């Protein structure tokens, strides 16, 4: 299981000229920006202060997101409708690969 975020939805036509959608899904992973500790005492103090500020002020970013292209779907309108999922840009889904099937679950 992994998480993806809908990055882009575009209208397109397939080889036969049928209208469809191109849906780009990016993998989402959280990375702790403080994995490596700085070597100098001054740098360690600055890092500790920044962590304390981030905890006290929720508008400061506390984590970094790493996105990697994972899945691109090319679907006709009929295929998109039969899939039964309404993709929205920036929506996050859990993707489960099981028994030769791909399942999307909205987070």
PDB file of N, CA and C in Angstrom:
ATOM      1  N   UNK A   1       0.851  -1.175   0.000  1.00  0.00           N
ATOM      2  CA  UNK A   1       0.000   0.000   0.000  1.00  0.00           C
ATOM      3  C   UNK A   1       0.896   1.238   0.000  1.00  0.00           C
ATOM      4  N   UNK A   2       0.489   2.246  -0.754  1.00  0.00           N
ATOM      5  CA  UNK A   2       1.188   3.522  -0.786  1.00  0.00           C
ATOM      6  C   UNK A   2       0.173   4.612  -1.042  1.00  0.00           C
ATOM      7  N   UNK A   3       0.589   5.856  -0.846  1.00  0.00           N
ATOM      8  CA  UNK A   3      -0.311   6.997  -1.044  1.00  0.00           C
ATOM      9  C   UNK A   3       0.092   7.777  -2.284  1.00  0.00           C
ATOM     10  N   UNK A   4      -0.944   8.247  -2.978  1.00  0.00           N
ATOM     11  CA  UNK A   4      -0.708   9.105  -4.139  1.00  0.00           C
ATOM     12  C   UNK A   4      -1.598  10.335  -4.026  1.00  0.00           C
ATOM     13  N   UNK A   5      -1.151  11.406  -4.660  1.00  0.00           N
ATOM     14  CA  UNK A   5      -1.919  12.648  -4.716  1.00  0.00           C
ATOM     15  C   UNK A   5      -2.173  12.953  -6.185  1.00  0.00           C
ATOM     16  N   UNK A   6      -3.405  13.352  -6.492  1.00  0.00           N
ATOM     17  CA  UNK A   6      -3.746  13.704  -7.865  1.00  0.00           C
ATOM     18  C   UNK A   6      -3.062  15.039  -8.176  1.00  0.00           C
ATOM     19  N   UNK A   7      -2.129  15.011  -9.102  1.00  0.00           N
ATOM     20  CA  UNK A   7      -1.364  16.201  -9.447  1.00  0.00           C
ATOM     21  C   UNK A   7      -1.997  16.977 -10.597  1.00  0.00           C
ATOM     22  N   UNK A   8      -2.512  16.243 -11.577  1.00  0.00           N
ATOM     23  CA  UNK A   8      -3.001  16.911 -12.782  1.00  0.00           C
ATOM     24  C   UNK A   8      -4.056  16.052 -13.454  1.00  0.00           C
ATOM     25  N   UNK A   9      -5.090  16.702 -13.959  1.00  0.00           N
ATOM     26  CA  UNK A   9      -6.108  16.033 -14.770  1.00  0.00           C
ATOM     27  C   UNK A   9      -6.238  16.827 -16.058  1.00  0.00           C
ATOM     28  N   UNK A  10      -6.050  16.149 -17.176  1.00  0.00           N
ATOM     29  CA  UNK A  10      -6.130  16.812 -18.476  1.00  0.00           C
ATOM     30  C   UNK A  10      -7.116  16.085 -19.369  1.00  0.00           C
ATOM     31  N   UNK A  11      -7.747  16.845 -20.240  1.00  0.00           N
ATOM     32  CA  UNK A  11      -8.632  16.262 -21.240  1.00  0.00           C
ATOM     33  C   UNK A  11      -7.782  15.853 -22.444  1.00  0.00           C
ATOM     34  N   UNK A  12      -8.075  14.684 -23.025  1.00  0.00           N
ATOM     35  CA  UNK A  12      -7.348  14.260 -24.215  1.00  0.00           C
ATOM     36  C   UNK A  12      -8.222  13.346 -25.064  1.00  0.00           C
ATOM     37  N   UNK A  13      -7.701  12.953 -26.198  1.00  0.00           N
ATOM     38  CA  UNK A  13      -8.392  12.017 -27.092  1.00  0.00           C
ATOM     39  C   UNK A  13      -7.511  10.797 -27.270  1.00  0.00           C
ATOM     40  N   UNK A  14      -8.159   9.630 -27.349  1.00  0.00           N
ATOM     41  CA  UNK A  14      -7.390   8.409 -27.589  1.00  0.00           C
ATOM     42  C   UNK A  14      -7.122   8.252 -29.080  1.00  0.00           C
ATOM     43  N   UNK A  15      -6.525   7.142 -29.454  1.00  0.00           N
ATOM     44  CA  UNK A  15      -6.149   6.899 -30.853  1.00  0.00           C
ATOM     45  C   UNK A  15      -7.366   6.911 -31.776  1.00  0.00           C
ATOM     46  N   UNK A  16      -8.517   6.462 -31.277  1.00  0.00           N
ATOM     47  CA  UNK A  16      -9.741   6.430 -32.079  1.00  0.00           C
ATOM     48  C   UNK A  16     -10.487   7.753 -32.070  1.00  0.00           C
ATOM     49  N   UNK A  17      -9.982   8.745 -31.355  1.00  0.00           N
ATOM     50  CA  UNK A  17     -10.628  10.055 -31.313  1.00  0.00           C
ATOM     51  C   UNK A  17     -11.645  10.217 -30.201  1.00  0.00           C
ATOM     52  N   UNK A  18     -11.755   9.228 -29.322  1.00  0.00           N
ATOM     53  CA  UNK A  18     -12.693   9.316 -28.207  1.00  0.00           C
ATOM     54  C   UNK A  18     -12.145  10.253 -27.129  1.00  0.00           C
ATOM     55  N   UNK A  19     -13.049  11.068 -26.564  1.00  0.00           N
ATOM     56  CA  UNK A  19     -12.638  11.948 -25.481  1.00  0.00           C
ATOM     57  C   UNK A  19     -12.302  11.143 -24.241  1.00  0.00           C
ATOM     58  N   UNK A  20     -11.308  11.624 -23.515  1.00  0.00           N
ATOM     59  CA  UNK A  20     -10.907  10.933 -22.299  1.00  0.00           C
ATOM     60  C   UNK A  20     -10.151  11.856 -21.370  1.00  0.00           C
ATOM     61  N   UNK A  21      -9.546  11.249 -20.358  1.00  0.00           N
ATOM     62  CA  UNK A  21      -8.805  11.998 -19.355  1.00  0.00           C
ATOM     63  C   UNK A  21      -7.436  11.386 -19.153  1.00  0.00           C
ATOM     64  N   UNK A  22      -6.482  12.269 -18.872  1.00  0.00           N
ATOM     65  CA  UNK A  22      -5.141  11.855 -18.459  1.00  0.00           C
ATOM     66  C   UNK A  22      -5.012  12.286 -17.004  1.00  0.00           C
ATOM     67  N   UNK A  23      -4.829  11.323 -16.109  1.00  0.00           N
ATOM     68  CA  UNK A  23      -4.777  11.596 -14.676  1.00  0.00           C
ATOM     69  C   UNK A  23      -3.385  11.238 -14.179  1.00  0.00           C
ATOM     70  N   UNK A  24      -2.701  12.248 -13.637  1.00  0.00           N
ATOM     71  CA  UNK A  24      -1.336  12.057 -13.150  1.00  0.00           C
ATOM     72  C   UNK A  24      -1.357  11.957 -11.625  1.00  0.00           C
ATOM     73  N   UNK A  25      -0.845  10.847 -11.108  1.00  0.00           N
ATOM     74  CA  UNK A  25      -0.809  10.590  -9.671  1.00  0.00           C
ATOM     75  C   UNK A  25       0.649  10.550  -9.211  1.00  0.00           C
ATOM     76  N   UNK A  26       0.948  11.342  -8.187  1.00  0.00           N
ATOM     77  CA  UNK A  26       2.299  11.407  -7.643  1.00  0.00           C
ATOM     78  C   UNK A  26       2.355  10.705  -6.305  1.00  0.00           C
ATOM     79  N   UNK A  27       3.419   9.953  -6.081  1.00  0.00           N
ATOM     80  CA  UNK A  27       3.580   9.281  -4.794  1.00  0.00           C
ATOM     81  C   UNK A  27       3.905  10.310  -3.723  1.00  0.00           C
ATOM     82  N   UNK A  28       3.325  10.109  -2.558  1.00  0.00           N
ATOM     83  CA  UNK A  28       3.561  11.013  -1.439  1.00  0.00           C
ATOM     84  C   UNK A  28       4.260  10.279  -0.322  1.00  0.00           C
ATOM     85  N   UNK A  29       5.379  10.857   0.090  1.00  0.00           N
ATOM     86  CA  UNK A  29       6.135  10.312   1.212  1.00  0.00           C
ATOM     87  C   UNK A  29       6.539  11.451   2.116  1.00  0.00           C
ATOM     88  N   UNK A  30       6.511  11.180   3.401  1.00  0.00           N
ATOM     89  CA  UNK A  30       6.967  12.180   4.349  1.00  0.00           C
ATOM     90  C   UNK A  30       8.446  11.944   4.630  1.00  0.00           C
ATOM     91  N   UNK A  31       9.185  13.048   4.678  1.00  0.00           N
ATOM     92  CA  UNK A  31      10.607  12.984   4.995  1.00  0.00           C
ATOM     93  C   UNK A  31      10.866  13.909   6.159  1.00  0.00           C
ATOM     94  N   UNK A  32      11.552  13.405   7.152  1.00  0.00           N
ATOM     95  CA  UNK A  32      11.927  14.239   8.281  1.00  0.00           C
ATOM     96  C   UNK A  32      13.153  15.066   7.879  1.00  0.00           C
ATOM     97  N   UNK A  33      13.031  16.405   7.854  1.00  0.00           N
ATOM     98  CA  UNK A  33      14.164  17.220   7.422  1.00  0.00           C
ATOM     99  C   UNK A  33      15.282  17.263   8.446  1.00  0.00           C
ATOM    100  N   UNK A  34      15.080  16.674   9.615  1.00  0.00           N
ATOM    101  CA  UNK A  34      16.086  16.730  10.681  1.00  0.00           C
ATOM    102  C   UNK A  34      16.710  15.364  10.944  1.00  0.00           C
ATOM    103  N   UNK A  35      16.799  14.551   9.914  1.00  0.00           N
ATOM    104  CA  UNK A  35      17.376  13.225  10.084  1.00  0.00           C
ATOM    105  C   UNK A  35      18.849  13.339  10.460  1.00  0.00           C
ATOM    106  N   UNK A  36      19.573  14.211   9.792  1.00  0.00           N
ATOM    107  CA  UNK A  36      20.986  14.404  10.081  1.00  0.00           C
ATOM    108  C   UNK A  36      21.156  15.538  11.075  1.00  0.00           C
ATOM    109  N   UNK A  37      21.913  15.286  12.100  1.00  0.00           N
ATOM    110  CA  UNK A  37      22.186  16.325  13.089  1.00  0.00           C
ATOM    111  C   UNK A  37      23.380  17.143  12.623  1.00  0.00           C
ATOM    112  N   UNK A  38      23.320  18.467  12.783  1.00  0.00           N
ATOM    113  CA  UNK A  38      24.460  19.314  12.407  1.00  0.00           C
ATOM    114  C   UNK A  38      25.675  19.011  13.282  1.00  0.00           C
ATOM    115  N   UNK A  39      26.846  19.333  12.784  1.00  0.00           N
ATOM    116  CA  UNK A  39      28.083  19.009  13.480  1.00  0.00           C
ATOM    117  C   UNK A  39      28.473  20.054  14.527  1.00  0.00           C
ATOM    118  N   UNK A  40      28.205  21.314  14.274  1.00  0.00           N
ATOM    119  CA  UNK A  40      28.635  22.355  15.209  1.00  0.00           C
ATOM    120  C   UNK A  40      27.569  22.619  16.261  1.00  0.00           C
ATOM    121  N   UNK A  41      28.003  23.115  17.409  1.00  0.00           N
ATOM    122  CA  UNK A  41      27.068  23.435  18.493  1.00  0.00           C
ATOM    123  C   UNK A  41      26.101  24.542  18.087  1.00  0.00           C
ATOM    124  N   UNK A  42      26.594  25.523  17.325  1.00  0.00           N
ATOM    125  CA  UNK A  42      25.740  26.622  16.890  1.00  0.00           C
ATOM    126  C   UNK A  42      24.643  26.116  15.956  1.00  0.00           C
ATOM    127  N   UNK A  43      24.998  25.240  15.060  1.00  0.00           N
ATOM    128  CA  UNK A  43      24.018  24.693  14.117  1.00  0.00           C
ATOM    129  C   UNK A  43      22.992  23.832  14.850  1.00  0.00           C
ATOM    130  N   UNK A  44      23.436  23.074  15.849  1.00  0.00           N
ATOM    131  CA  UNK A  44      22.510  22.262  16.639  1.00  0.00           C
ATOM    132  C   UNK A  44      21.530  23.153  17.389  1.00  0.00           C
ATOM    133  N   UNK A  45      22.027  24.256  17.955  1.00  0.00           N
ATOM    134  CA  UNK A  45      21.157  25.172  18.690  1.00  0.00           C
ATOM    135  C   UNK A  45      20.136  25.809  17.739  1.00  0.00           C
ATOM    136  N   UNK A  46      20.582  26.222  16.559  1.00  0.00           N
ATOM    137  CA  UNK A  46      19.668  26.823  15.587  1.00  0.00           C
ATOM    138  C   UNK A  46      18.602  25.820  15.166  1.00  0.00           C
ATOM    139  N   UNK A  47      18.964  24.574  14.965  1.00  0.00           N
ATOM    140  CA  UNK A  47      18.006  23.544  14.584  1.00  0.00           C
ATOM    141  C   UNK A  47      16.992  23.304  15.702  1.00  0.00           C
ATOM    142  N   UNK A  48      17.460  23.242  16.945  1.00  0.00           N
ATOM    143  CA  UNK A  48      16.563  23.049  18.085  1.00  0.00           C
ATOM    144  C   UNK A  48      15.582  24.211  18.222  1.00  0.00           C
ATOM    145  N   UNK A  49      16.065  25.430  18.005  1.00  0.00           N
ATOM    146  CA  UNK A  49      15.192  26.609  18.071  1.00  0.00           C
ATOM    147  C   UNK A  49      14.131  26.539  16.978  1.00  0.00           C
ATOM    148  N   UNK A  50      14.540  26.164  15.773  1.00  0.00           N
ATOM    149  CA  UNK A  50      13.589  26.068  14.659  1.00  0.00           C
ATOM    150  C   UNK A  50      12.528  25.005  14.943  1.00  0.00           C
ATOM    151  N   UNK A  51      12.934  23.863  15.515  1.00  0.00           N
ATOM    152  CA  UNK A  51      11.965  22.819  15.854  1.00  0.00           C
ATOM    153  C   UNK A  51      10.983  23.317  16.906  1.00  0.00           C
ATOM    154  N   UNK A  52      11.471  24.035  17.896  1.00  0.00           N
ATOM    155  CA  UNK A  52      10.597  24.574  18.940  1.00  0.00           C
ATOM    156  C   UNK A  52       9.615  25.585  18.359  1.00  0.00           C
ATOM    157  N   UNK A  53      10.086  26.447  17.457  1.00  0.00           N
ATOM    158  CA  UNK A  53       9.204  27.423  16.814  1.00  0.00           C
ATOM    159  C   UNK A  53       8.123  26.730  15.988  1.00  0.00           C
ATOM    160  N   UNK A  54       8.501  25.683  15.263  1.00  0.00           N
ATOM    161  CA  UNK A  54       7.538  24.963  14.430  1.00  0.00           C
ATOM    162  C   UNK A  54       6.458  24.304  15.278  1.00  0.00           C
ATOM    163  N   UNK A  55       6.809  23.847  16.467  1.00  0.00           N
ATOM    164  CA  UNK A  55       5.823  23.236  17.343  1.00  0.00           C
ATOM    165  C   UNK A  55       4.879  24.277  17.929  1.00  0.00           C
ATOM    166  N   UNK A  56       5.377  25.474  18.182  1.00  0.00           N
ATOM    167  CA  UNK A  56       4.570  26.532  18.792  1.00  0.00           C
ATOM    168  C   UNK A  56       3.738  27.307  17.781  1.00  0.00           C
ATOM    169  N   UNK A  57       4.205  27.360  16.538  1.00  0.00           N
ATOM    170  CA  UNK A  57       3.520  28.132  15.497  1.00  0.00           C
ATOM    171  C   UNK A  57       3.112  27.188  14.371  1.00  0.00           C
ATOM    172  N   UNK A  58       1.863  26.774  14.350  1.00  0.00           N
ATOM    173  CA  UNK A  58       1.436  25.753  13.390  1.00  0.00           C
ATOM    174  C   UNK A  58       1.488  26.196  11.930  1.00  0.00           C
ATOM    175  N   UNK A  59       1.604  27.497  11.665  1.00  0.00           N
ATOM    176  CA  UNK A  59       1.650  27.939  10.272  1.00  0.00           C
ATOM    177  C   UNK A  59       3.033  27.717   9.654  1.00  0.00           C
ATOM    178  N   UNK A  60       4.045  27.439  10.454  1.00  0.00           N
ATOM    179  CA  UNK A  60       5.360  27.109   9.907  1.00  0.00           C
ATOM    180  C   UNK A  60       5.354  25.652   9.447  1.00  0.00           C
ATOM    181  N   UNK A  61       5.983  25.362   8.319  1.00  0.00           N
ATOM    182  CA  UNK A  61       5.971  23.971   7.850  1.00  0.00           C
ATOM    183  C   UNK A  61       6.752  23.077   8.809  1.00  0.00           C
ATOM    184  N   UNK A  62       6.136  21.935   9.176  1.00  0.00           N
ATOM    185  CA  UNK A  62       6.782  21.024  10.112  1.00  0.00           C
ATOM    186  C   UNK A  62       7.355  19.803   9.421  1.00  0.00           C
ATOM    187  N   UNK A  63       6.940  19.539   8.230  1.00  0.00           N
ATOM    188  CA  UNK A  63       7.468  18.388   7.516  1.00  0.00           C
ATOM    189  C   UNK A  63       7.534  18.700   6.041  1.00  0.00           C
ATOM    190  N   UNK A  64       8.323  17.927   5.357  1.00  0.00           N
ATOM    191  CA  UNK A  64       8.528  18.116   3.934  1.00  0.00           C
ATOM    192  C   UNK A  64       7.856  16.969   3.191  1.00  0.00           C
ATOM    193  N   UNK A  65       7.297  17.244   2.052  1.00  0.00           N
ATOM    194  CA  UNK A  65       6.693  16.195   1.235  1.00  0.00           C
ATOM    195  C   UNK A  65       7.585  15.930   0.026  1.00  0.00           C
ATOM    196  N   UNK A  66       7.860  14.674  -0.219  1.00  0.00           N
ATOM    197  CA  UNK A  66       8.612  14.280  -1.396  1.00  0.00           C
ATOM    198  C   UNK A  66       7.633  13.647  -2.365  1.00  0.00           C
ATOM    199  N   UNK A  67       7.560  14.150  -3.560  1.00  0.00           N
ATOM    200  CA  UNK A  67       6.633  13.583  -4.530  1.00  0.00           C
ATOM    201  C   UNK A  67       7.412  12.996  -5.695  1.00  0.00           C
ATOM    202  N   UNK A  68       7.004  11.812  -6.107  1.00  0.00           N
ATOM    203  CA  UNK A  68       7.643  11.104  -7.199  1.00  0.00           C
ATOM    204  C   UNK A  68       6.549  10.615  -8.139  1.00  0.00           C
ATOM    205  N   UNK A  69       6.680  10.814  -9.447  1.00  0.00           N
ATOM    206  CA  UNK A  69       5.659  10.291 -10.362  1.00  0.00           C
ATOM    207  C   UNK A  69       5.475   8.788 -10.151  1.00  0.00           C
ATOM    208  N   UNK A  70       4.224   8.370 -10.011  1.00  0.00           N
ATOM    209  CA  UNK A  70       3.949   6.968  -9.716  1.00  0.00           C
ATOM    210  C   UNK A  70       3.039   6.316 -10.754  1.00  0.00           C
ATOM    211  N   UNK A  71       1.882   6.929 -11.040  1.00  0.00           N
ATOM    212  CA  UNK A  71       0.907   6.342 -11.961  1.00  0.00           C
ATOM    213  C   UNK A  71       0.358   7.439 -12.873  1.00  0.00           C
ATOM    214  N   UNK A  72       0.238   7.128 -14.155  1.00  0.00           N
ATOM    215  CA  UNK A  72      -0.471   8.004 -15.090  1.00  0.00           C
ATOM    216  C   UNK A  72      -1.553   7.155 -15.744  1.00  0.00           C
ATOM    217  N   UNK A  73      -2.807   7.581 -15.586  1.00  0.00           N
ATOM    218  CA  UNK A  73      -3.940   6.864 -16.161  1.00  0.00           C
ATOM    219  C   UNK A  73      -4.409   7.590 -17.421  1.00  0.00           C
ATOM    220  N   UNK A  74      -4.590   6.856 -18.500  1.00  0.00           N
ATOM    221  CA  UNK A  74      -5.219   7.369 -19.712  1.00  0.00           C
ATOM    222  C   UNK A  74      -6.540   6.627 -19.849  1.00  0.00           C
ATOM    223  N   UNK A  75      -7.656   7.313 -19.600  1.00  0.00           N
ATOM    224  CA  UNK A  75      -8.967   6.680 -19.602  1.00  0.00           C
ATOM    225  C   UNK A  75      -9.918   7.404 -20.533  1.00  0.00           C
ATOM    226  N   UNK A  76     -10.728   6.643 -21.265  1.00  0.00           N
ATOM    227  CA  UNK A  76     -11.816   7.258 -22.007  1.00  0.00           C
ATOM    228  C   UNK A  76     -12.869   7.687 -20.996  1.00  0.00           C
ATOM    229  N   UNK A  77     -13.832   8.494 -21.434  1.00  0.00           N
ATOM    230  CA  UNK A  77     -14.904   8.926 -20.530  1.00  0.00           C
ATOM    231  C   UNK A  77     -15.670   7.718 -19.980  1.00  0.00           C
ATOM    232  N   UNK A  78     -15.917   6.730 -20.845  1.00  0.00           N
ATOM    233  CA  UNK A  78     -16.638   5.532 -20.417  1.00  0.00           C
ATOM    234  C   UNK A  78     -15.828   4.751 -19.380  1.00  0.00           C
ATOM    235  N   UNK A  79     -14.523   4.603 -19.601  1.00  0.00           N
ATOM    236  CA  UNK A  79     -13.673   3.901 -18.634  1.00  0.00           C
ATOM    237  C   UNK A  79     -13.622   4.656 -17.305  1.00  0.00           C
ATOM    238  N   UNK A  80     -13.518   5.982 -17.394  1.00  0.00           N
ATOM    239  CA  UNK A  80     -13.480   6.807 -16.185  1.00  0.00           C
ATOM    240  C   UNK A  80     -14.771   6.650 -15.383  1.00  0.00           C
ATOM    241  N   UNK A  81     -15.911   6.683 -16.058  1.00  0.00           N
ATOM    242  CA  UNK A  81     -17.206   6.517 -15.387  1.00  0.00           C
ATOM    243  C   UNK A  81     -17.345   5.120 -14.772  1.00  0.00           C
ATOM    244  N   UNK A  82     -16.894   4.088 -15.489  1.00  0.00           N
ATOM    245  CA  UNK A  82     -17.013   2.723 -14.966  1.00  0.00           C
ATOM    246  C   UNK A  82     -16.046   2.462 -13.812  1.00  0.00           C
ATOM    247  N   UNK A  83     -14.999   3.257 -13.696  1.00  0.00           N
ATOM    248  CA  UNK A  83     -14.066   3.120 -12.577  1.00  0.00           C
ATOM    249  C   UNK A  83     -14.739   3.476 -11.258  1.00  0.00           C
ATOM    250  N   UNK A  84     -15.667   4.420 -11.303  1.00  0.00           N
ATOM    251  CA  UNK A  84     -16.436   4.765 -10.112  1.00  0.00           C
ATOM    252  C   UNK A  84     -15.721   5.662  -9.123  1.00  0.00           C
ATOM    253  N   UNK A  85     -14.667   6.332  -9.555  1.00  0.00           N
ATOM    254  CA  UNK A  85     -13.929   7.254  -8.692  1.00  0.00           C
ATOM    255  C   UNK A  85     -13.937   8.623  -9.347  1.00  0.00           C
ATOM    256  N   UNK A  86     -14.222   9.642  -8.562  1.00  0.00           N
ATOM    257  CA  UNK A  86     -14.135  11.006  -9.075  1.00  0.00           C
ATOM    258  C   UNK A  86     -12.826  11.595  -8.553  1.00  0.00           C
ATOM    259  N   UNK A  87     -11.847  11.693  -9.434  1.00  0.00           N
ATOM    260  CA  UNK A  87     -10.550  12.231  -9.045  1.00  0.00           C
ATOM    261  C   UNK A  87     -10.623  13.751  -8.991  1.00  0.00           C
ATOM    262  N   UNK A  88     -10.085  14.325  -7.928  1.00  0.00           N
ATOM    263  CA  UNK A  88      -9.959  15.774  -7.786  1.00  0.00           C
ATOM    264  C   UNK A  88      -8.485  16.101  -7.574  1.00  0.00           C
ATOM    265  N   UNK A  89      -8.032  17.188  -8.175  1.00  0.00           N
ATOM    266  CA  UNK A  89      -6.642  17.611  -8.006  1.00  0.00           C
ATOM    267  C   UNK A  89      -6.368  17.855  -6.525  1.00  0.00           C
ATOM    268  N   UNK A  90      -5.210  17.409  -6.064  1.00  0.00           N
ATOM    269  CA  UNK A  90      -4.716  17.491  -4.683  1.00  0.00           C
ATOM    270  C   UNK A  90      -5.397  16.510  -3.733  1.00  0.00           C
ATOM    271  N   UNK A  91      -6.320  15.700  -4.202  1.00  0.00           N
ATOM    272  CA  UNK A  91      -6.923  14.677  -3.353  1.00  0.00           C
ATOM    273  C   UNK A  91      -5.913  13.546  -3.170  1.00  0.00           C
ATOM    274  N   UNK A  92      -5.846  13.008  -1.950  1.00  0.00           N
ATOM    275  CA  UNK A  92      -4.909  11.928  -1.641  1.00  0.00           C
ATOM    276  C   UNK A  92      -5.674  10.613  -1.576  1.00  0.00           C
ATOM    277  N   UNK A  93      -5.086   9.581  -2.164  1.00  0.00           N
ATOM    278  CA  UNK A  93      -5.662   8.238  -2.170  1.00  0.00           C
ATOM    279  C   UNK A  93      -4.632   7.240  -1.690  1.00  0.00           C
ATOM    280  N   UNK A  94      -5.104   6.206  -0.981  1.00  0.00           N
ATOM    281  CA  UNK A  94      -4.270   5.055  -0.697  1.00  0.00           C
ATOM    282  C   UNK A  94      -4.454   4.087  -1.860  1.00  0.00           C
ATOM    283  N   UNK A  95      -3.360   3.562  -2.357  1.00  0.00           N
ATOM    284  CA  UNK A  95      -3.413   2.600  -3.457  1.00  0.00           C
ATOM    285  C   UNK A  95      -3.014   1.236  -2.902  1.00  0.00           C
ATOM    286  N   UNK A  96      -3.877   0.270  -3.122  1.00  0.00           N
ATOM    287  CA  UNK A  96      -3.622  -1.093  -2.670  1.00  0.00           C
ATOM    288  C   UNK A  96      -3.474  -1.970  -3.902  1.00  0.00           C
ATOM    289  N   UNK A  97      -2.373  -2.681  -3.991  1.00  0.00           N
ATOM    290  CA  UNK A  97      -2.135  -3.643  -5.063  1.00  0.00           C
ATOM    291  C   UNK A  97      -2.334  -5.026  -4.459  1.00  0.00           C
ATOM    292  N   UNK A  98      -3.358  -5.747  -4.931  1.00  0.00           N
ATOM    293  CA  UNK A  98      -3.671  -7.030  -4.319  1.00  0.00           C
ATOM    294  C   UNK A  98      -4.342  -7.942  -5.334  1.00  0.00           C
ATOM    295  N   UNK A  99      -3.826  -9.156  -5.455  1.00  0.00           N
ATOM    296  CA  UNK A  99      -4.444 -10.179  -6.274  1.00  0.00           C
ATOM    297  C   UNK A  99      -4.767  -9.686  -7.683  1.00  0.00           C
ATOM    298  N   UNK A 100      -3.794  -9.110  -8.329  1.00  0.00           N
ATOM    299  CA  UNK A 100      -3.890  -8.603  -9.702  1.00  0.00           C
ATOM    300  C   UNK A 100      -4.911  -7.489  -9.866  1.00  0.00           C
ATOM    301  N   UNK A 101      -5.127  -6.708  -8.812  1.00  0.00           N
ATOM    302  CA  UNK A 101      -6.070  -5.593  -8.869  1.00  0.00           C
ATOM    303  C   UNK A 101      -5.431  -4.361  -8.232  1.00  0.00           C
ATOM    304  N   UNK A 102      -5.872  -3.196  -8.688  1.00  0.00           N
ATOM    305  CA  UNK A 102      -5.450  -1.921  -8.114  1.00  0.00           C
ATOM    306  C   UNK A 102      -6.688  -1.280  -7.510  1.00  0.00           C
ATOM    307  N   UNK A 103      -6.612  -0.947  -6.220  1.00  0.00           N
ATOM    308  CA  UNK A 103      -7.742  -0.297  -5.547  1.00  0.00           C
ATOM    309  C   UNK A 103      -7.319   1.060  -5.048  1.00  0.00           C
ATOM    310  N   UNK A 104      -8.203   2.042  -5.242  1.00  0.00           N
ATOM    311  CA  UNK A 104      -7.993   3.402  -4.747  1.00  0.00           C
ATOM    312  C   UNK A 104      -8.946   3.642  -3.590  1.00  0.00           C
ATOM    313  N   UNK A 105      -8.424   4.144  -2.490  1.00  0.00           N
ATOM    314  CA  UNK A 105      -9.246   4.476  -1.322  1.00  0.00           C
ATOM    315  C   UNK A 105      -8.947   5.922  -0.944  1.00  0.00           C
ATOM    316  N   UNK A 106     -10.008   6.763  -0.947  1.00  0.00           N
ATOM    317  CA  UNK A 106      -9.850   8.176  -0.610  1.00  0.00           C
ATOM    318  C   UNK A 106      -9.406   8.317   0.837  1.00  0.00           C
ATOM    319  N   UNK A 107      -8.409   9.165   1.075  1.00  0.00           N
ATOM    320  CA  UNK A 107      -7.898   9.394   2.435  1.00  0.00           C
ATOM    321  C   UNK A 107      -8.602  10.583   3.047  1.00  0.00           C
TER     322      UNK A 107
END
